[in-house]
């Protein structure tokens, strides 16, 4: 992490002790407990002084109802990046994971089971993004007008695979307008990758006469909508209700906001998108996710691969005081096993 506050070894050990104790029982941690559990033979007064320094640095805070302190998001971040000791899973536990997943042949059932396994092993919410498709080549496209500014798209891709989608447009279009846009896309871009069509249309717009611009602008909008629906990966989630057992997440308005975010999927998909384009495991603590609904949550994710190519992300959503040392190896092992099994499928 960048801009980590510099704290001495004594302060590091006290912060580590405080966070580990808070993760364990969820109660503010007082100076006497820290003095006893840190093993450093410090007086409570000395501990209070160190805690005051850590509070000034924004690493801990004192709830107004308690003399004890709890970690902040910044404190958790320093802990996860610099003080956390992650122990690998026991061999017997890895074998249990393997047995749970290896007996499933159907890819969709496998992804569902992986999500369930993440949830049951961590007692939090487990989620797995469905694998993203590879390159999609356009063979033929048709647009049919519907009511309320909707258009039915009939898309033939790859080896004559037919997909039907309904997209929403900014205004209504006539059958003639849609037919012209479809004719243009079919004549110019049949056999091209779907993702590249939009940029190629824009390039062509610089080279053609004015009376073609309207058709091509419509083609760009249609390409945008079709590509967006093609790329919108979904995910499977299990164990959302597990989060209700954590006292700090028991506020009903907060839980309603979180459940709504999981239901609508847009926010969590943005978080997963950040993970799929990053290297290795990602940990978003509290407000680091950028979404208010996850302000009291941490999201631990890991990409999974098929044939050495990242195709999806899986992870765990839980409270910020989750046991990171236990969650991280569970997520890591599940990602490796799922990728291996999907590749063999």
Protein backbone atom coordinates (compact mmCIF):
# COMPACT_ATOMS: atom_id res chain seq x y z
CA UNK A 1 0.00 0.00 0.00
CA UNK A 2 1.16 3.53 -0.64
CA UNK A 3 1.31 6.20 2.08
CA UNK A 4 1.43 3.71 4.96
CA UNK A 5 1.96 5.57 8.23
CA UNK A 6 5.33 4.77 9.80
CA UNK A 7 4.91 3.25 13.24
CA UNK A 8 7.48 1.55 15.44
CA UNK A 9 7.57 -2.14 16.33
CA UNK A 10 5.82 -1.63 19.67
CA UNK A 11 2.93 0.25 18.06
CA UNK A 12 2.71 -2.36 15.30
CA UNK A 13 2.40 -5.18 17.83
CA UNK A 14 -0.26 -3.33 19.82
CA UNK A 15 -2.23 -2.55 16.64
CA UNK A 16 -1.97 -6.19 15.53
CA UNK A 17 -3.11 -7.38 18.96
CA UNK A 18 -6.04 -4.94 18.99
CA UNK A 19 -7.25 -5.93 15.53
CA UNK A 20 -6.93 -9.67 16.19
CA UNK A 21 -8.89 -9.29 19.43
CA UNK A 22 -11.55 -7.13 17.76
CA UNK A 23 -11.91 -9.64 14.90
CA UNK A 24 -12.41 -12.36 17.48
CA UNK A 25 -15.21 -10.81 19.55
CA UNK A 26 -16.29 -7.55 17.92
CA UNK A 27 -15.94 -5.52 21.12
CA UNK A 28 -13.85 -2.34 21.60
CA UNK A 29 -10.48 -3.27 23.07
CA UNK A 30 -9.27 -1.51 26.24
CA UNK A 31 -5.72 -0.74 27.39
CA UNK A 32 -5.68 -3.39 30.12
CA UNK A 33 -6.53 -6.16 27.67
CA UNK A 34 -3.85 -4.94 25.25
CA UNK A 35 -1.31 -4.70 28.07
CA UNK A 36 -2.04 -8.30 29.05
CA UNK A 37 -2.35 -9.87 25.60
CA UNK A 38 0.50 -8.11 23.79
CA UNK A 39 3.09 -9.96 25.90
CA UNK A 40 5.27 -6.83 26.13
CA UNK A 41 4.88 -6.15 29.86
CA UNK A 42 3.69 -2.57 29.25
CA UNK A 43 1.68 -0.58 31.74
CA UNK A 44 -1.89 0.40 30.78
CA UNK A 45 -0.76 4.04 30.82
CA UNK A 46 1.94 3.35 28.23
CA UNK A 47 -0.57 1.45 26.11
CA UNK A 48 -3.00 4.38 26.32
CA UNK A 49 -0.29 6.72 25.05
CA UNK A 50 0.43 4.46 22.08
CA UNK A 51 -3.29 4.15 21.36
CA UNK A 52 -3.59 7.95 21.37
CA UNK A 53 -0.78 8.12 18.79
CA UNK A 54 -2.48 5.47 16.62
CA UNK A 55 -5.74 7.37 16.86
CA UNK A 56 -4.01 10.57 15.74
CA UNK A 57 -2.75 8.64 12.69
CA UNK A 58 -6.27 7.48 11.86
CA UNK A 59 -5.54 3.79 12.49
CA UNK A 60 -7.94 3.29 15.43
CA UNK A 61 -10.91 5.16 16.83
CA UNK A 62 -12.81 5.25 20.10
CA UNK A 63 -16.56 4.66 19.88
CA UNK A 64 -18.30 7.36 21.90
CA UNK A 65 -19.86 4.77 24.24
CA UNK A 66 -16.60 3.04 25.15
CA UNK A 67 -13.13 3.68 26.50
CA UNK A 68 -11.82 0.93 24.25
CA UNK A 69 -10.81 1.34 20.63
CA UNK A 70 -11.64 -0.32 17.33
CA UNK A 71 -9.70 -0.36 14.03
CA UNK A 72 -10.49 2.02 11.19
CA UNK A 73 -10.40 1.11 7.50
CA UNK A 74 -6.89 2.59 7.40
CA UNK A 75 -5.88 0.44 10.37
CA UNK A 76 -7.24 -2.70 8.73
CA UNK A 77 -5.38 -1.81 5.53
CA UNK A 78 -2.03 -1.50 7.34
CA UNK A 79 -2.79 -4.77 9.17
CA UNK A 80 -3.65 -6.67 5.98
CA UNK A 81 -0.71 -5.29 3.98
CA UNK A 82 2.03 -5.48 6.62
CA UNK A 83 1.09 -7.37 9.79
CA UNK A 84 -1.09 -10.28 8.68
CA UNK A 85 0.27 -13.82 8.78
CA UNK A 86 -1.64 -16.07 6.36
CA UNK A 87 -1.29 -19.77 7.02
CA UNK A 88 -1.88 -22.22 4.15
CA UNK A 89 -4.90 -24.50 4.42
CA UNK A 90 -4.37 -27.92 5.92
CA UNK A 91 -4.00 -30.70 3.36
CA UNK A 92 -7.11 -32.44 4.70
CA UNK A 93 -9.17 -29.30 4.13
CA UNK A 94 -7.91 -28.93 0.57
CA UNK A 95 -8.87 -32.55 -0.06
CA UNK A 96 -12.35 -31.80 1.26
CA UNK A 97 -12.63 -28.88 -1.16
CA UNK A 98 -11.43 -31.09 -3.98
CA UNK A 99 -13.92 -33.84 -3.15
CA UNK A 100 -16.78 -31.32 -2.96
CA UNK A 101 -16.02 -29.93 -6.42
CA UNK A 102 -14.53 -32.84 -8.39
CA UNK A 103 -17.68 -34.95 -8.32
CA UNK A 104 -19.66 -32.30 -10.27
CA UNK A 105 -19.61 -32.56 -14.06
CA UNK A 106 -21.89 -29.69 -15.12
CA UNK A 107 -20.04 -26.31 -15.28
CA UNK A 108 -23.04 -24.29 -14.03
CA UNK A 109 -23.56 -26.66 -11.10
CA UNK A 110 -19.83 -26.49 -10.39
CA UNK A 111 -19.90 -22.67 -10.16
CA UNK A 112 -22.97 -22.81 -7.93
CA UNK A 113 -21.25 -25.35 -5.65
CA UNK A 114 -18.09 -23.24 -5.47
CA UNK A 115 -20.15 -20.25 -4.31
CA UNK A 116 -21.89 -22.42 -1.71
CA UNK A 117 -18.56 -23.82 -0.54
CA UNK A 118 -17.08 -20.33 -0.06
CA UNK A 119 -20.12 -19.38 2.00
CA UNK A 120 -20.17 -22.49 4.17
CA UNK A 121 -16.42 -22.43 4.86
CA UNK A 122 -16.31 -18.76 5.87
CA UNK A 123 -19.88 -18.31 7.20
CA UNK A 124 -20.15 -15.20 5.04
CA UNK A 125 -21.46 -14.56 1.52
CA UNK A 126 -19.65 -16.44 -1.25
CA UNK A 127 -19.88 -15.33 -4.86
CA UNK A 128 -18.53 -16.56 -8.18
CA UNK A 129 -18.64 -14.60 -11.42
CA UNK A 130 -19.69 -16.72 -14.39
CA UNK A 131 -16.88 -17.23 -16.92
CA UNK A 132 -16.68 -14.49 -19.52
CA UNK A 133 -17.06 -15.65 -23.11
CA UNK A 134 -14.14 -15.46 -25.48
CA UNK A 135 -14.18 -13.56 -28.77
CA UNK A 136 -17.64 -13.34 -30.34
CA UNK A 137 -17.74 -13.06 -34.13
CA UNK A 138 -20.74 -11.52 -35.85
CA UNK A 139 -22.38 -13.63 -38.58
CA UNK A 140 -25.70 -11.82 -39.05
CA UNK A 141 -27.83 -9.30 -37.17
CA UNK A 142 -31.46 -8.16 -37.39
CA UNK A 143 -33.35 -5.42 -35.53
CA UNK A 144 -37.13 -5.48 -34.98
CA UNK A 145 -38.93 -2.48 -33.38
CA UNK A 146 -40.97 -3.06 -30.21
CA UNK A 147 -43.00 -0.66 -28.07
CA UNK A 148 -41.56 1.78 -25.50
CA UNK A 149 -38.26 2.47 -27.32
CA UNK A 150 -37.28 -1.18 -27.28
CA UNK A 151 -35.68 -3.17 -30.06
CA UNK A 152 -35.48 -6.94 -30.45
CA UNK A 153 -32.00 -7.93 -31.61
CA UNK A 154 -31.58 -11.29 -33.37
CA UNK A 155 -27.88 -12.02 -33.36
CA UNK A 156 -26.14 -14.91 -35.12
CA UNK A 157 -22.57 -15.34 -33.86
CA UNK A 158 -19.67 -17.78 -34.13
CA UNK A 159 -20.81 -21.14 -35.47
CA UNK A 160 -24.41 -20.13 -36.21
CA UNK A 161 -25.30 -19.64 -32.54
CA UNK A 162 -28.53 -17.58 -32.34
CA UNK A 163 -29.09 -15.11 -29.52
CA UNK A 164 -32.19 -12.93 -28.97
CA UNK A 165 -31.93 -9.79 -26.86
CA UNK A 166 -34.11 -6.80 -26.08
CA UNK A 167 -32.31 -3.46 -25.87
CA UNK A 168 -33.53 0.00 -24.90
CA UNK A 169 -32.86 2.95 -27.23
CA UNK A 170 -32.94 6.71 -26.72
CA UNK A 171 -35.88 7.12 -29.11
CA UNK A 172 -38.15 4.94 -31.20
CA UNK A 173 -36.96 3.84 -34.65
CA UNK A 174 -38.92 2.79 -37.70
CA UNK A 175 -38.55 -0.63 -39.28
CA UNK A 176 -36.87 1.05 -42.26
CA UNK A 177 -34.24 2.76 -40.10
CA UNK A 178 -33.46 -0.44 -38.25
CA UNK A 179 -33.27 -2.41 -41.49
CA UNK A 180 -30.76 0.09 -42.94
CA UNK A 181 -28.58 -0.17 -39.83
CA UNK A 182 -28.70 -3.97 -39.91
CA UNK A 183 -27.87 -4.06 -43.63
CA UNK A 184 -24.88 -1.81 -43.02
CA UNK A 185 -23.55 -3.90 -40.12
CA UNK A 186 -24.06 -7.18 -42.01
CA UNK A 187 -22.41 -5.99 -45.21
CA UNK A 188 -19.41 -4.37 -43.52
CA UNK A 189 -18.76 -6.45 -40.41
CA UNK A 190 -19.90 -10.05 -40.87
CA UNK A 191 -17.01 -12.19 -39.62
CA UNK A 192 -15.58 -9.42 -37.39
CA UNK A 193 -15.23 -9.61 -33.60
CA UNK A 194 -18.20 -7.96 -31.92
CA UNK A 195 -16.01 -5.83 -29.62
CA UNK A 196 -14.19 -4.18 -32.51
CA UNK A 197 -17.26 -3.19 -34.51
CA UNK A 198 -18.00 0.07 -32.71
CA UNK A 199 -14.53 1.54 -33.24
CA UNK A 200 -14.58 0.48 -36.90
CA UNK A 201 -17.96 2.18 -37.46
CA UNK A 202 -16.62 5.40 -35.94
CA UNK A 203 -13.58 5.22 -38.21
CA UNK A 204 -15.81 4.74 -41.26
CA UNK A 205 -17.89 7.76 -40.25
CA UNK A 206 -14.90 10.01 -40.89
CA UNK A 207 -14.65 8.76 -44.47
CA UNK A 208 -18.21 8.73 -45.82
CA UNK A 209 -20.74 11.24 -47.09
CA UNK A 210 -23.11 13.11 -44.79
CA UNK A 211 -26.30 11.24 -45.72
CA UNK A 212 -24.83 8.02 -44.31
CA UNK A 213 -24.10 9.53 -40.91
CA UNK A 214 -27.56 8.99 -39.47
CA UNK A 215 -27.53 5.29 -40.36
CA UNK A 216 -24.04 4.90 -38.94
CA UNK A 217 -24.86 6.76 -35.72
CA UNK A 218 -27.75 4.36 -35.24
CA UNK A 219 -25.36 1.46 -35.98
CA UNK A 220 -22.96 2.76 -33.29
CA UNK A 221 -25.75 2.95 -30.73
CA UNK A 222 -26.96 -0.54 -31.60
CA UNK A 223 -23.42 -1.91 -31.44
CA UNK A 224 -22.95 -0.26 -28.03
CA UNK A 225 -26.10 -1.85 -26.64
CA UNK A 226 -25.40 -5.30 -28.10
CA UNK A 227 -21.77 -5.34 -26.93
CA UNK A 228 -22.81 -4.21 -23.45
CA UNK A 229 -25.33 -7.03 -23.11
CA UNK A 230 -22.76 -9.48 -24.49
CA UNK A 231 -20.16 -8.50 -21.91
CA UNK A 232 -22.38 -8.19 -18.84
CA UNK A 233 -21.11 -11.09 -16.78
CA UNK A 234 -23.36 -12.40 -14.06
CA UNK A 235 -22.51 -14.08 -10.78
CA UNK A 236 -23.84 -16.64 -8.34
CA UNK A 237 -24.05 -15.71 -4.66
CA UNK A 238 -24.82 -17.82 -1.59
CA UNK A 239 -24.99 -17.05 2.12
CA UNK A 240 -26.13 -13.41 2.13
CA UNK A 241 -28.17 -14.04 5.28
CA UNK A 242 -24.99 -15.11 7.10
CA UNK A 243 -24.08 -11.42 7.24
CA UNK A 244 -27.05 -10.70 9.51
CA UNK A 245 -25.33 -12.58 12.34
CA UNK A 246 -22.64 -9.90 12.68
CA UNK A 247 -23.68 -7.23 15.18
CA UNK A 248 -21.99 -4.36 13.36
CA UNK A 249 -24.03 -5.17 10.25
CA UNK A 250 -27.30 -5.60 12.10
CA UNK A 251 -28.67 -2.17 11.20
CA UNK A 252 -31.71 -2.92 9.04
CA UNK A 253 -31.27 0.04 6.71
CA UNK A 254 -27.66 -0.97 6.11
CA UNK A 255 -28.61 -4.61 5.47
CA UNK A 256 -31.41 -3.56 3.13
CA UNK A 257 -28.97 -1.41 1.17
CA UNK A 258 -26.48 -4.27 0.95
CA UNK A 259 -29.07 -6.86 -0.10
CA UNK A 260 -30.41 -4.46 -2.74
CA UNK A 261 -26.87 -4.01 -4.11
CA UNK A 262 -26.44 -7.79 -4.31
CA UNK A 263 -29.83 -8.13 -5.99
CA UNK A 264 -29.30 -5.43 -8.64
CA UNK A 265 -25.70 -6.66 -9.09
CA UNK A 266 -24.34 -3.52 -10.76
CA UNK A 267 -22.11 -2.32 -7.87
CA UNK A 268 -20.64 -5.72 -7.07
CA UNK A 269 -19.98 -6.38 -10.77
CA UNK A 270 -17.97 -3.15 -10.90
CA UNK A 271 -15.93 -4.39 -7.92
CA UNK A 272 -15.40 -7.74 -9.63
CA UNK A 273 -14.40 -5.93 -12.83
CA UNK A 274 -11.66 -4.15 -10.87
CA UNK A 275 -10.48 -7.55 -9.67
CA UNK A 276 -10.50 -9.26 -13.05
CA UNK A 277 -8.19 -6.60 -14.48
CA UNK A 278 -5.81 -6.64 -11.50
CA UNK A 279 -3.00 -9.01 -10.62
CA UNK A 280 -3.83 -11.76 -8.14
CA UNK A 281 -5.91 -11.47 -5.00
CA UNK A 282 -7.65 -8.18 -4.20
CA UNK A 283 -9.01 -7.02 -0.84
CA UNK A 284 -11.45 -4.09 -0.68
CA UNK A 285 -11.97 -2.87 2.90
CA UNK A 286 -15.00 -0.74 3.73
CA UNK A 287 -15.19 2.43 1.68
CA UNK A 288 -12.29 1.30 -0.53
CA UNK A 289 -14.84 -0.42 -2.78
CA UNK A 290 -16.24 2.98 -3.70
CA UNK A 291 -19.83 1.96 -2.93
CA UNK A 292 -21.79 3.05 0.15
CA UNK A 293 -23.64 -0.28 0.38
CA UNK A 294 -20.32 -2.02 1.14
CA UNK A 295 -19.15 0.58 3.68
CA UNK A 296 -19.15 -1.93 6.56
CA UNK A 297 -17.95 -4.85 4.42
CA UNK A 298 -14.73 -6.26 3.11
CA UNK A 299 -14.62 -8.06 -0.23
CA UNK A 300 -11.83 -10.60 -0.80
CA UNK A 301 -11.50 -11.74 -4.42
CA UNK A 302 -9.27 -13.90 -6.57
CA UNK A 303 -9.37 -14.44 -10.35
CA UNK A 304 -9.75 -17.94 -11.73
CA UNK A 305 -8.29 -19.11 -15.02
CA UNK A 306 -9.10 -21.48 -17.84
CA UNK A 307 -6.09 -22.54 -19.91
CA UNK A 308 -3.96 -19.79 -18.29
CA UNK A 309 -6.46 -17.06 -19.21
CA UNK A 310 -8.42 -15.18 -16.54
CA UNK A 311 -12.13 -15.71 -17.25
CA UNK A 312 -13.78 -14.80 -13.96
CA UNK A 313 -13.47 -13.80 -10.31
CA UNK A 314 -14.72 -15.39 -7.11
CA UNK A 315 -14.67 -14.18 -3.55
CA UNK A 316 -16.20 -13.60 -0.15
CA UNK A 317 -18.18 -10.65 1.23
CA UNK A 318 -18.13 -10.22 4.99
CA UNK A 319 -17.74 -7.65 7.74
CA UNK A 320 -14.57 -5.56 7.87
CA UNK A 321 -13.59 -7.54 10.99
CA UNK A 322 -13.47 -10.83 9.08
CA UNK A 323 -10.66 -13.27 9.88
CA UNK A 324 -8.53 -12.34 6.86
CA UNK A 325 -5.89 -14.98 7.65
CA UNK A 326 -8.55 -17.69 7.25
CA UNK A 327 -10.60 -16.19 4.40
CA UNK A 328 -7.67 -15.45 2.06
CA UNK A 329 -6.44 -19.08 1.70
CA UNK A 330 -10.04 -20.35 1.27
CA UNK A 331 -10.60 -17.92 -1.61
CA UNK A 332 -7.20 -18.70 -3.14
CA UNK A 333 -7.62 -22.49 -3.08
CA UNK A 334 -11.21 -22.35 -4.38
CA UNK A 335 -10.10 -20.19 -7.33
CA UNK A 336 -7.31 -22.61 -8.26
CA UNK A 337 -9.55 -25.68 -8.01
CA UNK A 338 -12.42 -24.09 -9.95
CA UNK A 339 -10.13 -22.97 -12.77
CA UNK A 340 -8.54 -26.41 -12.98
CA UNK A 341 -11.92 -28.16 -13.13
CA UNK A 342 -13.45 -25.80 -15.70
CA UNK A 343 -10.39 -26.23 -17.91
CA UNK A 344 -10.71 -30.01 -17.74
CA UNK A 345 -14.43 -29.73 -18.58
